[in-house]
Amino acid sequence: MIQDEIRQKIDKLNVSEKILLVSDIWDSIAQDCSAMPPIQGWHKKELDQRIEEYESGKAELFDWKEVHNELREEFK
């Protein structure tokens, strides 16, 4: 079965490679927003709080591409 073959290949990856793989998988899932489940109440509350922090200038911001590239370099 192909799923078993994929699992065997994943098991051979080191931790940093697994993390990058999960990130890539999540990115591919996020591209199809119609497949996403609805946001739960606790999650919406957290998002609203973060938006408020952002709009008030209290949030520390990081460019995702820079963070992503730094992680890829660090865990090569």
PDB file of N, CA and C in Angstrom:
ATOM      1  N   MET A   1       0.844  -1.184   0.000  1.00  0.00           N
ATOM      2  CA  MET A   1       0.000   0.000   0.000  1.00  0.00           C
ATOM      3  C   MET A   1       0.887   1.245   0.000  1.00  0.00           C
ATOM      4  N   ILE A   2       0.510   2.241  -0.760  1.00  0.00           N
ATOM      5  CA  ILE A   2       1.322   3.449  -0.905  1.00  0.00           C
ATOM      6  C   ILE A   2       1.460   4.206   0.422  1.00  0.00           C
ATOM      7  N   GLN A   3       0.425   4.167   1.265  1.00  0.00           N
ATOM      8  CA  GLN A   3       0.482   4.854   2.551  1.00  0.00           C
ATOM      9  C   GLN A   3       1.594   4.272   3.432  1.00  0.00           C
ATOM     10  N   ASP A   4       1.754   2.965   3.407  1.00  0.00           N
ATOM     11  CA  ASP A   4       2.837   2.323   4.168  1.00  0.00           C
ATOM     12  C   ASP A   4       4.203   2.733   3.632  1.00  0.00           C
ATOM     13  N   GLU A   5       4.320   2.848   2.323  1.00  0.00           N
ATOM     14  CA  GLU A   5       5.583   3.279   1.716  1.00  0.00           C
ATOM     15  C   GLU A   5       5.916   4.719   2.126  1.00  0.00           C
ATOM     16  N   ILE A   6       4.909   5.568   2.135  1.00  0.00           N
ATOM     17  CA  ILE A   6       5.118   6.954   2.549  1.00  0.00           C
ATOM     18  C   ILE A   6       5.563   6.998   4.004  1.00  0.00           C
ATOM     19  N   ARG A   7       4.900   6.213   4.857  1.00  0.00           N
ATOM     20  CA  ARG A   7       5.252   6.167   6.285  1.00  0.00           C
ATOM     21  C   ARG A   7       6.700   5.721   6.466  1.00  0.00           C
ATOM     22  N   GLN A   8       7.135   4.735   5.714  1.00  0.00           N
ATOM     23  CA  GLN A   8       8.512   4.247   5.821  1.00  0.00           C
ATOM     24  C   GLN A   8       9.503   5.333   5.422  1.00  0.00           C
ATOM     25  N   LYS A   9       9.180   6.077   4.386  1.00  0.00           N
ATOM     26  CA  LYS A   9      10.060   7.163   3.957  1.00  0.00           C
ATOM     27  C   LYS A   9      10.093   8.282   4.994  1.00  0.00           C
ATOM     28  N   ILE A  10       8.950   8.586   5.569  1.00  0.00           N
ATOM     29  CA  ILE A  10       8.892   9.617   6.608  1.00  0.00           C
ATOM     30  C   ILE A  10       9.717   9.198   7.816  1.00  0.00           C
ATOM     31  N   ASP A  11       9.621   7.949   8.195  1.00  0.00           N
ATOM     32  CA  ASP A  11      10.368   7.448   9.349  1.00  0.00           C
ATOM     33  C   ASP A  11      11.878   7.588   9.173  1.00  0.00           C
ATOM     34  N   LYS A  12      12.340   7.646   7.942  1.00  0.00           N
ATOM     35  CA  LYS A  12      13.776   7.778   7.671  1.00  0.00           C
ATOM     36  C   LYS A  12      14.259   9.226   7.748  1.00  0.00           C
ATOM     37  N   LEU A  13      13.330  10.191   7.784  1.00  0.00           N
ATOM     38  CA  LEU A  13      13.703  11.600   7.855  1.00  0.00           C
ATOM     39  C   LEU A  13      14.147  11.956   9.265  1.00  0.00           C
ATOM     40  N   ASN A  14      15.048  12.943   9.364  1.00  0.00           N
ATOM     41  CA  ASN A  14      15.388  13.443  10.698  1.00  0.00           C
ATOM     42  C   ASN A  14      14.314  14.441  11.124  1.00  0.00           C
ATOM     43  N   VAL A  15      14.379  14.889  12.369  1.00  0.00           N
ATOM     44  CA  VAL A  15      13.327  15.739  12.918  1.00  0.00           C
ATOM     45  C   VAL A  15      13.151  17.031  12.118  1.00  0.00           C
ATOM     46  N   SER A  16      14.242  17.679  11.767  1.00  0.00           N
ATOM     47  CA  SER A  16      14.102  18.942  11.032  1.00  0.00           C
ATOM     48  C   SER A  16      13.462  18.732   9.657  1.00  0.00           C
ATOM     49  N   GLU A  17      13.787  17.626   9.009  1.00  0.00           N
ATOM     50  CA  GLU A  17      13.166  17.323   7.715  1.00  0.00           C
ATOM     51  C   GLU A  17      11.672  17.044   7.885  1.00  0.00           C
ATOM     52  N   LYS A  18      11.312  16.374   8.977  1.00  0.00           N
ATOM     53  CA  LYS A  18       9.894  16.108   9.246  1.00  0.00           C
ATOM     54  C   LYS A  18       9.130  17.399   9.487  1.00  0.00           C
ATOM     55  N   ILE A  19       9.749  18.324  10.220  1.00  0.00           N
ATOM     56  CA  ILE A  19       9.102  19.609  10.488  1.00  0.00           C
ATOM     57  C   ILE A  19       8.874  20.376   9.193  1.00  0.00           C
ATOM     58  N   LEU A  20       9.878  20.400   8.337  1.00  0.00           N
ATOM     59  CA  LEU A  20       9.726  21.085   7.048  1.00  0.00           C
ATOM     60  C   LEU A  20       8.658  20.414   6.188  1.00  0.00           C
ATOM     61  N   LEU A  21       8.590  19.097   6.234  1.00  0.00           N
ATOM     62  CA  LEU A  21       7.570  18.372   5.483  1.00  0.00           C
ATOM     63  C   LEU A  21       6.172  18.738   5.977  1.00  0.00           C
ATOM     64  N   VAL A  22       6.003  18.771   7.287  1.00  0.00           N
ATOM     65  CA  VAL A  22       4.704  19.145   7.859  1.00  0.00           C
ATOM     66  C   VAL A  22       4.337  20.564   7.438  1.00  0.00           C
ATOM     67  N   SER A  23       5.312  21.468   7.453  1.00  0.00           N
ATOM     68  CA  SER A  23       5.060  22.844   7.029  1.00  0.00           C
ATOM     69  C   SER A  23       4.602  22.889   5.569  1.00  0.00           C
ATOM     70  N   ASP A  24       5.275  22.145   4.721  1.00  0.00           N
ATOM     71  CA  ASP A  24       4.898  22.106   3.303  1.00  0.00           C
ATOM     72  C   ASP A  24       3.509  21.502   3.113  1.00  0.00           C
ATOM     73  N   ILE A  25       3.208  20.470   3.870  1.00  0.00           N
ATOM     74  CA  ILE A  25       1.880  19.844   3.779  1.00  0.00           C
ATOM     75  C   ILE A  25       0.812  20.839   4.228  1.00  0.00           C
ATOM     76  N   TRP A  26       1.075  21.515   5.358  1.00  0.00           N
ATOM     77  CA  TRP A  26       0.099  22.490   5.844  1.00  0.00           C
ATOM     78  C   TRP A  26      -0.117  23.601   4.824  1.00  0.00           C
ATOM     79  N   ASP A  27       0.959  24.085   4.216  1.00  0.00           N
ATOM     80  CA  ASP A  27       0.835  25.127   3.195  1.00  0.00           C
ATOM     81  C   ASP A  27      -0.054  24.662   2.042  1.00  0.00           C
ATOM     82  N   SER A  28       0.081  23.404   1.641  1.00  0.00           N
ATOM     83  CA  SER A  28      -0.733  22.895   0.532  1.00  0.00           C
ATOM     84  C   SER A  28      -2.203  22.769   0.943  1.00  0.00           C
ATOM     85  N   ILE A  29      -2.452  22.427   2.209  1.00  0.00           N
ATOM     86  CA  ILE A  29      -3.834  22.351   2.705  1.00  0.00           C
ATOM     87  C   ILE A  29      -4.438  23.746   2.776  1.00  0.00           C
ATOM     88  N   ALA A  30      -3.664  24.705   3.272  1.00  0.00           N
ATOM     89  CA  ALA A  30      -4.159  26.071   3.450  1.00  0.00           C
ATOM     90  C   ALA A  30      -4.528  26.736   2.133  1.00  0.00           C
ATOM     91  N   GLN A  31      -3.959  26.272   1.025  1.00  0.00           N
ATOM     92  CA  GLN A  31      -4.279  26.854  -0.276  1.00  0.00           C
ATOM     93  C   GLN A  31      -5.729  26.592  -0.675  1.00  0.00           C
ATOM     94  N   ASP A  32      -6.326  25.530  -0.121  1.00  0.00           N
ATOM     95  CA  ASP A  32      -7.714  25.202  -0.444  1.00  0.00           C
ATOM     96  C   ASP A  32      -8.583  25.507   0.777  1.00  0.00           C
ATOM     97  N   CYS A  33      -8.948  26.776   0.941  1.00  0.00           N
ATOM     98  CA  CYS A  33      -9.708  27.207   2.116  1.00  0.00           C
ATOM     99  C   CYS A  33     -11.079  26.553   2.210  1.00  0.00           C
ATOM    100  N   SER A  34     -11.632  26.104   1.101  1.00  0.00           N
ATOM    101  CA  SER A  34     -12.960  25.487   1.134  1.00  0.00           C
ATOM    102  C   SER A  34     -12.936  24.162   1.890  1.00  0.00           C
ATOM    103  N   ALA A  35     -11.757  23.562   2.024  1.00  0.00           N
ATOM    104  CA  ALA A  35     -11.644  22.291   2.729  1.00  0.00           C
ATOM    105  C   ALA A  35     -11.431  22.479   4.225  1.00  0.00           C
ATOM    106  N   MET A  36     -11.285  23.714   4.674  1.00  0.00           N
ATOM    107  CA  MET A  36     -11.008  23.981   6.073  1.00  0.00           C
ATOM    108  C   MET A  36     -12.290  23.891   6.908  1.00  0.00           C
ATOM    109  N   PRO A  37     -12.200  23.306   8.101  1.00  0.00           N
ATOM    110  CA  PRO A  37     -13.374  23.260   8.972  1.00  0.00           C
ATOM    111  C   PRO A  37     -13.673  24.655   9.520  1.00  0.00           C
ATOM    112  N   PRO A  38     -14.892  24.869  10.009  1.00  0.00           N
ATOM    113  CA  PRO A  38     -15.223  26.194  10.556  1.00  0.00           C
ATOM    114  C   PRO A  38     -14.378  26.494  11.799  1.00  0.00           C
ATOM    115  N   ILE A  39     -14.153  27.775  12.061  1.00  0.00           N
ATOM    116  CA  ILE A  39     -13.375  28.199  13.224  1.00  0.00           C
ATOM    117  C   ILE A  39     -14.211  28.014  14.481  1.00  0.00           C
ATOM    118  N   GLN A  40     -13.595  27.408  15.496  1.00  0.00           N
ATOM    119  CA  GLN A  40     -14.293  27.206  16.763  1.00  0.00           C
ATOM    120  C   GLN A  40     -14.249  28.492  17.588  1.00  0.00           C
ATOM    121  N   GLY A  41     -15.142  28.600  18.558  1.00  0.00           N
ATOM    122  CA  GLY A  41     -15.274  29.814  19.355  1.00  0.00           C
ATOM    123  C   GLY A  41     -13.990  30.243  20.045  1.00  0.00           C
ATOM    124  N   TRP A  42     -13.282  29.313  20.668  1.00  0.00           N
ATOM    125  CA  TRP A  42     -12.049  29.650  21.386  1.00  0.00           C
ATOM    126  C   TRP A  42     -10.984  30.171  20.421  1.00  0.00           C
ATOM    127  N   HIS A  43     -10.990  29.616  19.192  1.00  0.00           N
ATOM    128  CA  HIS A  43     -10.006  30.033  18.203  1.00  0.00           C
ATOM    129  C   HIS A  43     -10.334  31.435  17.698  1.00  0.00           C
ATOM    130  N   LYS A  44     -11.606  31.697  17.457  1.00  0.00           N
ATOM    131  CA  LYS A  44     -12.020  33.030  17.018  1.00  0.00           C
ATOM    132  C   LYS A  44     -11.662  34.058  18.075  1.00  0.00           C
ATOM    133  N   LYS A  45     -11.858  33.729  19.343  1.00  0.00           N
ATOM    134  CA  LYS A  45     -11.519  34.642  20.439  1.00  0.00           C
ATOM    135  C   LYS A  45     -10.021  34.973  20.407  1.00  0.00           C
ATOM    136  N   GLU A  46      -9.186  33.955  20.214  1.00  0.00           N
ATOM    137  CA  GLU A  46      -7.737  34.160  20.142  1.00  0.00           C
ATOM    138  C   GLU A  46      -7.374  35.023  18.943  1.00  0.00           C
ATOM    139  N   LEU A  47      -7.983  34.753  17.798  1.00  0.00           N
ATOM    140  CA  LEU A  47      -7.709  35.548  16.597  1.00  0.00           C
ATOM    141  C   LEU A  47      -8.126  37.006  16.798  1.00  0.00           C
ATOM    142  N   ASP A  48      -9.293  37.202  17.416  1.00  0.00           N
ATOM    143  CA  ASP A  48      -9.761  38.569  17.683  1.00  0.00           C
ATOM    144  C   ASP A  48      -8.785  39.308  18.599  1.00  0.00           C
ATOM    145  N   GLN A  49      -8.262  38.607  19.602  1.00  0.00           N
ATOM    146  CA  GLN A  49      -7.303  39.215  20.526  1.00  0.00           C
ATOM    147  C   GLN A  49      -6.021  39.603  19.785  1.00  0.00           C
ATOM    148  N   ARG A  50      -5.561  38.723  18.911  1.00  0.00           N
ATOM    149  CA  ARG A  50      -4.339  39.019  18.158  1.00  0.00           C
ATOM    150  C   ARG A  50      -4.539  40.178  17.191  1.00  0.00           C
ATOM    151  N   ILE A  51      -5.714  40.248  16.580  1.00  0.00           N
ATOM    152  CA  ILE A  51      -6.023  41.373  15.688  1.00  0.00           C
ATOM    153  C   ILE A  51      -6.011  42.676  16.483  1.00  0.00           C
ATOM    154  N   GLU A  52      -6.586  42.637  17.663  1.00  0.00           N
ATOM    155  CA  GLU A  52      -6.611  43.831  18.512  1.00  0.00           C
ATOM    156  C   GLU A  52      -5.182  44.264  18.884  1.00  0.00           C
ATOM    157  N   GLU A  53      -4.335  43.289  19.234  1.00  0.00           N
ATOM    158  CA  GLU A  53      -2.937  43.599  19.558  1.00  0.00           C
ATOM    159  C   GLU A  53      -2.222  44.192  18.344  1.00  0.00           C
ATOM    160  N   TYR A  54      -2.481  43.640  17.185  1.00  0.00           N
ATOM    161  CA  TYR A  54      -1.863  44.141  15.956  1.00  0.00           C
ATOM    162  C   TYR A  54      -2.303  45.577  15.676  1.00  0.00           C
ATOM    163  N   GLU A  55      -3.601  45.802  15.731  1.00  0.00           N
ATOM    164  CA  GLU A  55      -4.132  47.124  15.404  1.00  0.00           C
ATOM    165  C   GLU A  55      -3.708  48.186  16.414  1.00  0.00           C
ATOM    166  N   SER A  56      -3.458  47.776  17.663  1.00  0.00           N
ATOM    167  CA  SER A  56      -3.039  48.737  18.687  1.00  0.00           C
ATOM    168  C   SER A  56      -1.521  48.931  18.702  1.00  0.00           C
ATOM    169  N   GLY A  57      -0.804  48.168  17.864  1.00  0.00           N
ATOM    170  CA  GLY A  57       0.645  48.297  17.790  1.00  0.00           C
ATOM    171  C   GLY A  57       1.399  47.538  18.874  1.00  0.00           C
ATOM    172  N   LYS A  58       0.701  46.673  19.618  1.00  0.00           N
ATOM    173  CA  LYS A  58       1.335  45.921  20.704  1.00  0.00           C
ATOM    174  C   LYS A  58       1.957  44.604  20.243  1.00  0.00           C
ATOM    175  N   ALA A  59       1.624  44.167  19.061  1.00  0.00           N
ATOM    176  CA  ALA A  59       2.108  42.872  18.564  1.00  0.00           C
ATOM    177  C   ALA A  59       3.491  43.015  17.943  1.00  0.00           C
ATOM    178  N   GLU A  60       4.360  42.039  18.223  1.00  0.00           N
ATOM    179  CA  GLU A  60       5.670  42.000  17.580  1.00  0.00           C
ATOM    180  C   GLU A  60       5.512  41.216  16.279  1.00  0.00           C
ATOM    181  N   LEU A  61       5.895  41.829  15.171  1.00  0.00           N
ATOM    182  CA  LEU A  61       5.658  41.225  13.856  1.00  0.00           C
ATOM    183  C   LEU A  61       6.943  40.690  13.249  1.00  0.00           C
ATOM    184  N   PHE A  62       6.795  39.571  12.533  1.00  0.00           N
ATOM    185  CA  PHE A  62       7.901  38.946  11.827  1.00  0.00           C
ATOM    186  C   PHE A  62       7.435  38.609  10.423  1.00  0.00           C
ATOM    187  N   ASP A  63       8.293  38.838   9.446  1.00  0.00           N
ATOM    188  CA  ASP A  63       7.980  38.479   8.073  1.00  0.00           C
ATOM    189  C   ASP A  63       8.057  36.959   7.936  1.00  0.00           C
ATOM    190  N   TRP A  64       6.962  36.321   7.507  1.00  0.00           N
ATOM    191  CA  TRP A  64       6.906  34.864   7.453  1.00  0.00           C
ATOM    192  C   TRP A  64       7.975  34.284   6.535  1.00  0.00           C
ATOM    193  N   LYS A  65       8.206  34.898   5.405  1.00  0.00           N
ATOM    194  CA  LYS A  65       9.210  34.363   4.477  1.00  0.00           C
ATOM    195  C   LYS A  65      10.592  34.373   5.117  1.00  0.00           C
ATOM    196  N   GLU A  66      10.896  35.430   5.857  1.00  0.00           N
ATOM    197  CA  GLU A  66      12.194  35.489   6.539  1.00  0.00           C
ATOM    198  C   GLU A  66      12.293  34.407   7.615  1.00  0.00           C
ATOM    199  N   VAL A  67      11.245  34.250   8.394  1.00  0.00           N
ATOM    200  CA  VAL A  67      11.231  33.218   9.439  1.00  0.00           C
ATOM    201  C   VAL A  67      11.374  31.840   8.805  1.00  0.00           C
ATOM    202  N   HIS A  68      10.630  31.598   7.761  1.00  0.00           N
ATOM    203  CA  HIS A  68      10.656  30.314   7.072  1.00  0.00           C
ATOM    204  C   HIS A  68      12.054  30.017   6.534  1.00  0.00           C
ATOM    205  N   ASN A  69      12.655  31.003   5.888  1.00  0.00           N
ATOM    206  CA  ASN A  69      14.000  30.824   5.343  1.00  0.00           C
ATOM    207  C   ASN A  69      15.027  30.599   6.445  1.00  0.00           C
ATOM    208  N   GLU A  70      14.901  31.334   7.552  1.00  0.00           N
ATOM    209  CA  GLU A  70      15.821  31.145   8.673  1.00  0.00           C
ATOM    210  C   GLU A  70      15.699  29.730   9.242  1.00  0.00           C
ATOM    211  N   LEU A  71      14.476  29.237   9.367  1.00  0.00           N
ATOM    212  CA  LEU A  71      14.275  27.869   9.875  1.00  0.00           C
ATOM    213  C   LEU A  71      14.854  26.836   8.914  1.00  0.00           C
ATOM    214  N   ARG A  72      14.630  27.033   7.632  1.00  0.00           N
ATOM    215  CA  ARG A  72      15.188  26.094   6.652  1.00  0.00           C
ATOM    216  C   ARG A  72      16.703  26.079   6.718  1.00  0.00           C
ATOM    217  N   GLU A  73      17.321  27.234   6.879  1.00  0.00           N
ATOM    218  CA  GLU A  73      18.780  27.299   6.975  1.00  0.00           C
ATOM    219  C   GLU A  73      19.266  26.654   8.271  1.00  0.00           C
ATOM    220  N   GLU A  74      18.576  26.924   9.359  1.00  0.00           N
ATOM    221  CA  GLU A  74      18.994  26.417  10.660  1.00  0.00           C
ATOM    222  C   GLU A  74      18.891  24.897  10.749  1.00  0.00           C
ATOM    223  N   PHE A  75      17.873  24.320  10.104  1.00  0.00           N
ATOM    224  CA  PHE A  75      17.631  22.886  10.238  1.00  0.00           C
ATOM    225  C   PHE A  75      17.955  22.095   8.981  1.00  0.00           C
ATOM    226  N   LYS A  76      18.919  22.563   8.221  1.00  0.00           N
ATOM    227  CA  LYS A  76      19.361  21.826   7.031  1.00  0.00           C
ATOM    228  C   LYS A  76      19.976  20.509   7.429  1.00  0.00           C
TER     229      LYS A  76
END
